[in-house]
Amino acid sequence: MDHPNARTRITGRQRDRSAKQLAIAFVFLAVTVALGTLGYVFIEGWSVGDALYMTVISLTTTGFREIRELSPAGRGVTVFVIVCGIASIAYVAGRVLQLAVEIYLVRRGRMDRQIHRLKNHVILCGYGRMGRNIAADLKEATVPFVVIDNDPESSAEMEENGYLYIIGDASADDRLKEAGVERARGLIAVVTSDAENVYTTLTAKALNPEITIVARALSDESEPKLRTAGADRVIKPYEMVGRRIAQLV
């Protein structure tokens, strides 16, 4: 099996090659525009402005009519611009997409290596409203942690905040192993439902019997199930908030 660092180096080289290919694609596009403009200037005798405008509307196939009548040679220039323009734009779009994917793979590989080096860390399962606050508190306390969440749209926010994260099902063995559950000291289960929290707790405890698990229970009936599954502490947020409000009053 290849080492993660080796895979990332290969991806880095691919990214550099894609960047060069993208630069070549833009050069090809610029050359097409320049040749089309010069063709209209010398063959049709148009001004540079008219020639550039005609080249651009031909290249983008916008469907506007010719600004002047074209000679047979001018029509040949238009055909050249349309064919080369479509080819160059398609090539540019392909290289942009390829470069974006490879940049993501490089970032993902770097994050995977950081997660792989974690020890005695905390695994936060769920990045909802409560998970966001927990993650902020863990970061403020400089506690090493990794987030597991099944919503891909949350990745942008987690990356912006500098969190290590894994997108996937927190109750899956592979995702918990990827997060280093065997090396972790604690797990916080605050996923969307009590059933998921129970299953996440059960799976994590089976993979690492020594891990400390704190789980959220949204209903009273879930508390004994979570404790049976292996949760060391069960938090009922509505009960805690209600007690706090009563104390304030």
Protein backbone atom coordinates (compact mmCIF):
# COMPACT_ATOMS: atom_id res chain seq x y z
CA MET A 1 0.00 0.00 0.00
CA ASP A 2 1.31 3.47 -0.88
CA HIS A 3 2.23 5.79 1.94
CA PRO A 4 -0.12 8.80 2.25
CA ASN A 5 2.81 11.20 1.84
CA ALA A 6 3.79 9.55 -1.44
CA ARG A 7 0.24 9.82 -2.73
CA THR A 8 0.15 13.50 -1.80
CA ARG A 9 3.48 14.21 -3.53
CA ILE A 10 2.15 12.58 -6.68
CA THR A 11 -1.01 14.65 -6.46
CA GLY A 12 1.09 17.78 -5.94
CA ARG A 13 3.00 17.07 -9.15
CA GLN A 14 -0.28 16.50 -10.96
CA ARG A 15 -1.54 19.83 -9.65
CA ASP A 16 1.54 21.64 -10.98
CA ARG A 17 1.14 19.94 -14.35
CA SER A 18 -2.54 20.89 -14.47
CA ALA A 19 -1.64 24.51 -13.69
CA LYS A 20 0.75 24.52 -16.65
CA GLN A 21 -1.91 22.95 -18.88
CA LEU A 22 -4.36 25.64 -17.77
CA ALA A 23 -1.85 28.35 -18.65
CA ILE A 24 -1.36 26.78 -22.09
CA ALA A 25 -5.14 26.67 -22.58
CA PHE A 26 -5.42 30.39 -21.84
CA VAL A 27 -2.56 31.11 -24.24
CA PHE A 28 -4.33 29.09 -26.94
CA LEU A 29 -7.53 31.07 -26.29
CA ALA A 30 -5.66 34.37 -26.48
CA VAL A 31 -3.96 33.32 -29.72
CA THR A 32 -7.34 32.43 -31.21
CA VAL A 33 -8.71 35.87 -30.34
CA ALA A 34 -5.60 37.59 -31.72
CA LEU A 35 -5.63 35.63 -35.01
CA GLY A 36 -9.35 36.20 -35.48
CA THR A 37 -9.00 39.92 -34.86
CA LEU A 38 -6.03 40.23 -37.23
CA GLY A 39 -7.90 38.18 -39.84
CA TYR A 40 -10.83 40.58 -39.89
CA VAL A 41 -8.49 43.59 -39.90
CA PHE A 42 -6.37 42.45 -42.85
CA ILE A 43 -8.94 40.50 -44.86
CA GLU A 44 -12.03 42.65 -44.35
CA GLY A 45 -10.26 45.93 -43.63
CA TRP A 46 -12.18 46.50 -40.38
CA SER A 47 -11.06 48.57 -37.44
CA VAL A 48 -9.48 46.75 -34.49
CA GLY A 49 -12.55 47.42 -32.34
CA ASP A 50 -14.98 45.98 -34.89
CA ALA A 51 -12.67 43.03 -35.57
CA LEU A 52 -12.29 42.23 -31.85
CA TYR A 53 -16.06 42.48 -31.30
CA MET A 54 -16.75 40.15 -34.21
CA THR A 55 -14.15 37.69 -32.92
CA VAL A 56 -15.63 37.63 -29.43
CA ILE A 57 -19.25 37.11 -30.53
CA SER A 58 -18.10 34.38 -32.92
CA LEU A 59 -15.94 32.70 -30.29
CA THR A 60 -18.71 32.69 -27.67
CA THR A 61 -21.36 31.70 -30.27
CA THR A 62 -23.75 34.29 -28.84
CA GLY A 63 -25.79 34.34 -32.04
CA PHE A 64 -25.51 38.05 -32.86
CA ARG A 65 -25.49 38.86 -36.57
CA GLU A 66 -22.34 40.02 -38.36
CA ILE A 67 -21.65 43.69 -37.92
CA ARG A 68 -20.85 43.93 -41.65
CA GLU A 69 -21.21 41.77 -44.70
CA LEU A 70 -18.45 39.16 -44.89
CA SER A 71 -16.46 38.03 -47.88
CA PRO A 72 -15.86 34.30 -48.43
CA ALA A 73 -12.46 34.72 -46.82
CA GLY A 74 -14.07 36.52 -43.88
CA ARG A 75 -16.51 33.66 -43.43
CA GLY A 76 -13.51 31.33 -43.32
CA VAL A 77 -12.05 33.42 -40.51
CA THR A 78 -15.38 33.19 -38.65
CA VAL A 79 -15.42 29.39 -38.99
CA PHE A 80 -11.84 29.24 -37.70
CA VAL A 81 -12.70 31.43 -34.70
CA ILE A 82 -15.82 29.40 -33.83
CA VAL A 83 -14.11 26.00 -34.06
CA CYS A 84 -10.93 27.03 -32.24
CA GLY A 85 -12.90 29.09 -29.71
CA ILE A 86 -15.21 26.25 -28.69
CA ALA A 87 -12.25 23.87 -28.44
CA SER A 88 -10.17 26.28 -26.34
CA ILE A 89 -13.05 27.21 -24.00
CA ALA A 90 -13.87 23.53 -23.44
CA TYR A 91 -10.21 22.82 -22.74
CA VAL A 92 -9.96 25.73 -20.30
CA ALA A 93 -13.10 24.55 -18.46
CA GLY A 94 -11.73 21.02 -18.22
CA ARG A 95 -8.38 22.18 -16.87
CA VAL A 96 -10.05 24.47 -14.31
CA LEU A 97 -12.18 21.58 -13.03
CA GLN A 98 -9.18 19.23 -12.95
CA LEU A 99 -7.06 21.77 -11.08
CA ALA A 100 -9.83 22.39 -8.52
CA VAL A 101 -10.18 18.65 -7.86
CA GLU A 102 -6.43 18.18 -7.46
CA ILE A 103 -6.14 21.16 -5.09
CA TYR A 104 -8.90 19.59 -2.98
CA LEU A 105 -7.09 16.23 -2.99
CA VAL A 106 -3.87 17.88 -1.81
CA ARG A 107 -5.70 19.64 1.03
CA ARG A 108 -7.57 16.47 1.94
CA GLY A 109 -4.35 14.47 1.97
CA ARG A 110 -2.71 17.03 4.26
CA MET A 111 -5.69 16.90 6.62
CA ASP A 112 -5.72 13.08 6.63
CA ARG A 113 -2.06 13.07 7.69
CA GLN A 114 -2.83 15.49 10.54
CA ILE A 115 -5.69 13.29 11.71
CA HIS A 116 -3.47 10.21 11.48
CA ARG A 117 -0.95 11.87 13.85
CA LEU A 118 -3.57 12.70 16.51
CA LYS A 119 -3.32 10.97 19.90
CA ASN A 120 -5.35 11.41 23.08
CA HIS A 121 -7.75 13.59 21.13
CA VAL A 122 -11.51 14.04 21.13
CA ILE A 123 -13.86 12.92 18.38
CA LEU A 124 -16.89 15.18 17.94
CA CYS A 125 -19.71 13.35 16.16
CA GLY A 126 -22.19 15.84 14.73
CA TYR A 127 -21.75 19.44 13.61
CA GLY A 128 -25.22 20.84 14.22
CA ARG A 129 -26.06 23.79 16.46
CA MET A 130 -24.68 22.10 19.56
CA GLY A 131 -21.72 20.61 17.72
CA ARG A 132 -20.67 24.05 16.47
CA ASN A 133 -20.55 25.42 20.01
CA ILE A 134 -18.68 22.37 21.30
CA ALA A 135 -16.12 22.65 18.49
CA ALA A 136 -15.56 26.34 19.28
CA ASP A 137 -15.04 25.56 22.97
CA LEU A 138 -12.61 22.72 22.19
CA LYS A 139 -10.63 24.98 19.90
CA GLU A 140 -10.54 27.75 22.50
CA ALA A 141 -9.31 25.23 25.09
CA THR A 142 -6.65 24.01 22.60
CA VAL A 143 -7.95 20.45 22.85
CA PRO A 144 -7.04 18.40 19.76
CA PHE A 145 -10.19 17.11 18.08
CA VAL A 146 -11.66 15.91 14.82
CA VAL A 147 -15.26 16.34 13.68
CA ILE A 148 -17.32 13.67 11.91
CA ASP A 149 -20.43 14.95 10.15
CA ASN A 150 -22.52 13.54 7.30
CA ASP A 151 -23.43 16.90 5.74
CA PRO A 152 -20.97 17.84 2.94
CA GLU A 153 -22.17 21.45 3.06
CA SER A 154 -20.68 21.87 6.53
CA SER A 155 -17.16 21.19 5.23
CA ALA A 156 -16.67 24.77 4.01
CA GLU A 157 -17.45 26.20 7.46
CA MET A 158 -15.26 23.66 9.26
CA GLU A 159 -12.38 24.30 6.88
CA GLU A 160 -12.77 28.05 7.36
CA ASN A 161 -12.59 27.57 11.14
CA GLY A 162 -9.48 25.40 10.80
CA TYR A 163 -11.08 22.21 12.12
CA LEU A 164 -9.99 18.72 11.17
CA TYR A 165 -13.03 16.93 9.82
CA ILE A 166 -14.33 13.82 8.09
CA ILE A 167 -17.52 13.75 6.04
CA GLY A 168 -19.47 10.56 6.64
CA ASP A 169 -21.60 8.51 9.01
CA ALA A 170 -20.27 8.84 12.56
CA SER A 171 -21.59 5.39 13.48
CA ALA A 172 -19.63 3.63 10.72
CA ASP A 173 -16.57 1.65 11.79
CA ASP A 174 -14.46 3.00 8.91
CA ARG A 175 -15.20 6.64 9.70
CA LEU A 176 -14.44 6.20 13.42
CA LYS A 177 -11.20 4.36 12.62
CA GLU A 178 -10.29 7.10 10.16
CA ALA A 179 -10.80 9.60 12.99
CA GLY A 180 -8.44 7.57 15.20
CA VAL A 181 -10.96 6.18 17.67
CA GLU A 182 -8.41 3.61 18.92
CA ARG A 183 -6.06 6.47 19.93
CA ALA A 184 -8.71 8.91 21.15
CA ARG A 185 -9.35 9.71 24.80
CA GLY A 186 -12.94 10.87 24.36
CA LEU A 187 -15.93 10.97 22.05
CA ILE A 188 -18.85 13.39 22.06
CA ALA A 189 -22.01 12.12 20.35
CA VAL A 190 -24.35 14.94 19.34
CA VAL A 191 -25.66 13.73 15.99
CA THR A 192 -29.18 14.45 14.80
CA SER A 193 -31.15 11.72 16.59
CA ASP A 194 -31.00 9.62 19.74
CA ALA A 195 -30.92 6.41 17.69
CA GLU A 196 -27.81 7.58 15.85
CA ASN A 197 -26.18 8.60 19.13
CA VAL A 198 -26.88 5.16 20.59
CA TYR A 199 -25.42 3.38 17.58
CA THR A 200 -22.40 5.71 17.46
CA THR A 201 -21.75 5.11 21.16
CA LEU A 202 -22.08 1.35 20.76
CA THR A 203 -19.70 1.26 17.78
CA ALA A 204 -17.09 3.50 19.38
CA LYS A 205 -17.09 1.52 22.62
CA ALA A 206 -16.64 -1.72 20.69
CA LEU A 207 -13.61 -0.27 18.86
CA ASN A 208 -12.07 1.28 22.00
CA PRO A 209 -13.45 0.06 25.35
CA GLU A 210 -11.30 2.61 27.24
CA ILE A 211 -12.65 5.70 25.48
CA THR A 212 -14.76 8.15 27.51
CA ILE A 213 -18.06 8.89 25.78
CA VAL A 214 -20.37 11.82 26.45
CA ALA A 215 -23.67 11.55 24.58
CA ARG A 216 -26.66 13.81 24.17
CA ALA A 217 -30.17 12.47 24.88
CA LEU A 218 -33.14 14.37 23.50
CA SER A 219 -35.69 12.21 25.34
CA ASP A 220 -35.82 10.55 28.76
CA GLU A 221 -36.28 7.13 27.18
CA SER A 222 -32.90 7.37 25.42
CA GLU A 223 -30.80 7.88 28.55
CA PRO A 224 -30.79 4.22 29.74
CA LYS A 225 -30.19 3.03 26.18
CA LEU A 226 -27.16 5.29 25.83
CA ARG A 227 -25.75 4.11 29.15
CA THR A 228 -26.30 0.49 28.14
CA ALA A 229 -24.51 1.20 24.86
CA GLY A 230 -21.49 2.45 26.80
CA ALA A 231 -21.91 6.18 27.34
CA ASP A 232 -20.07 7.37 30.46
CA ARG A 233 -22.07 10.59 30.70
CA VAL A 234 -25.48 11.39 29.23
CA ILE A 235 -26.46 15.03 28.80
CA LYS A 236 -30.09 16.10 28.42
CA PRO A 237 -29.86 19.67 27.12
CA TYR A 238 -33.51 20.62 27.58
CA GLU A 239 -33.42 19.53 31.20
CA MET A 240 -30.18 21.44 31.82
CA VAL A 241 -31.50 24.59 30.15
CA GLY A 242 -34.78 24.37 32.06
CA ARG A 243 -32.94 24.02 35.37
CA ARG A 244 -30.68 26.96 34.49
CA ILE A 245 -33.63 29.17 33.58
CA ALA A 246 -35.34 28.31 36.86
CA GLN A 247 -32.17 29.20 38.77
CA LEU A 248 -31.95 32.55 37.00
CA VAL A 249 -35.56 33.36 37.88
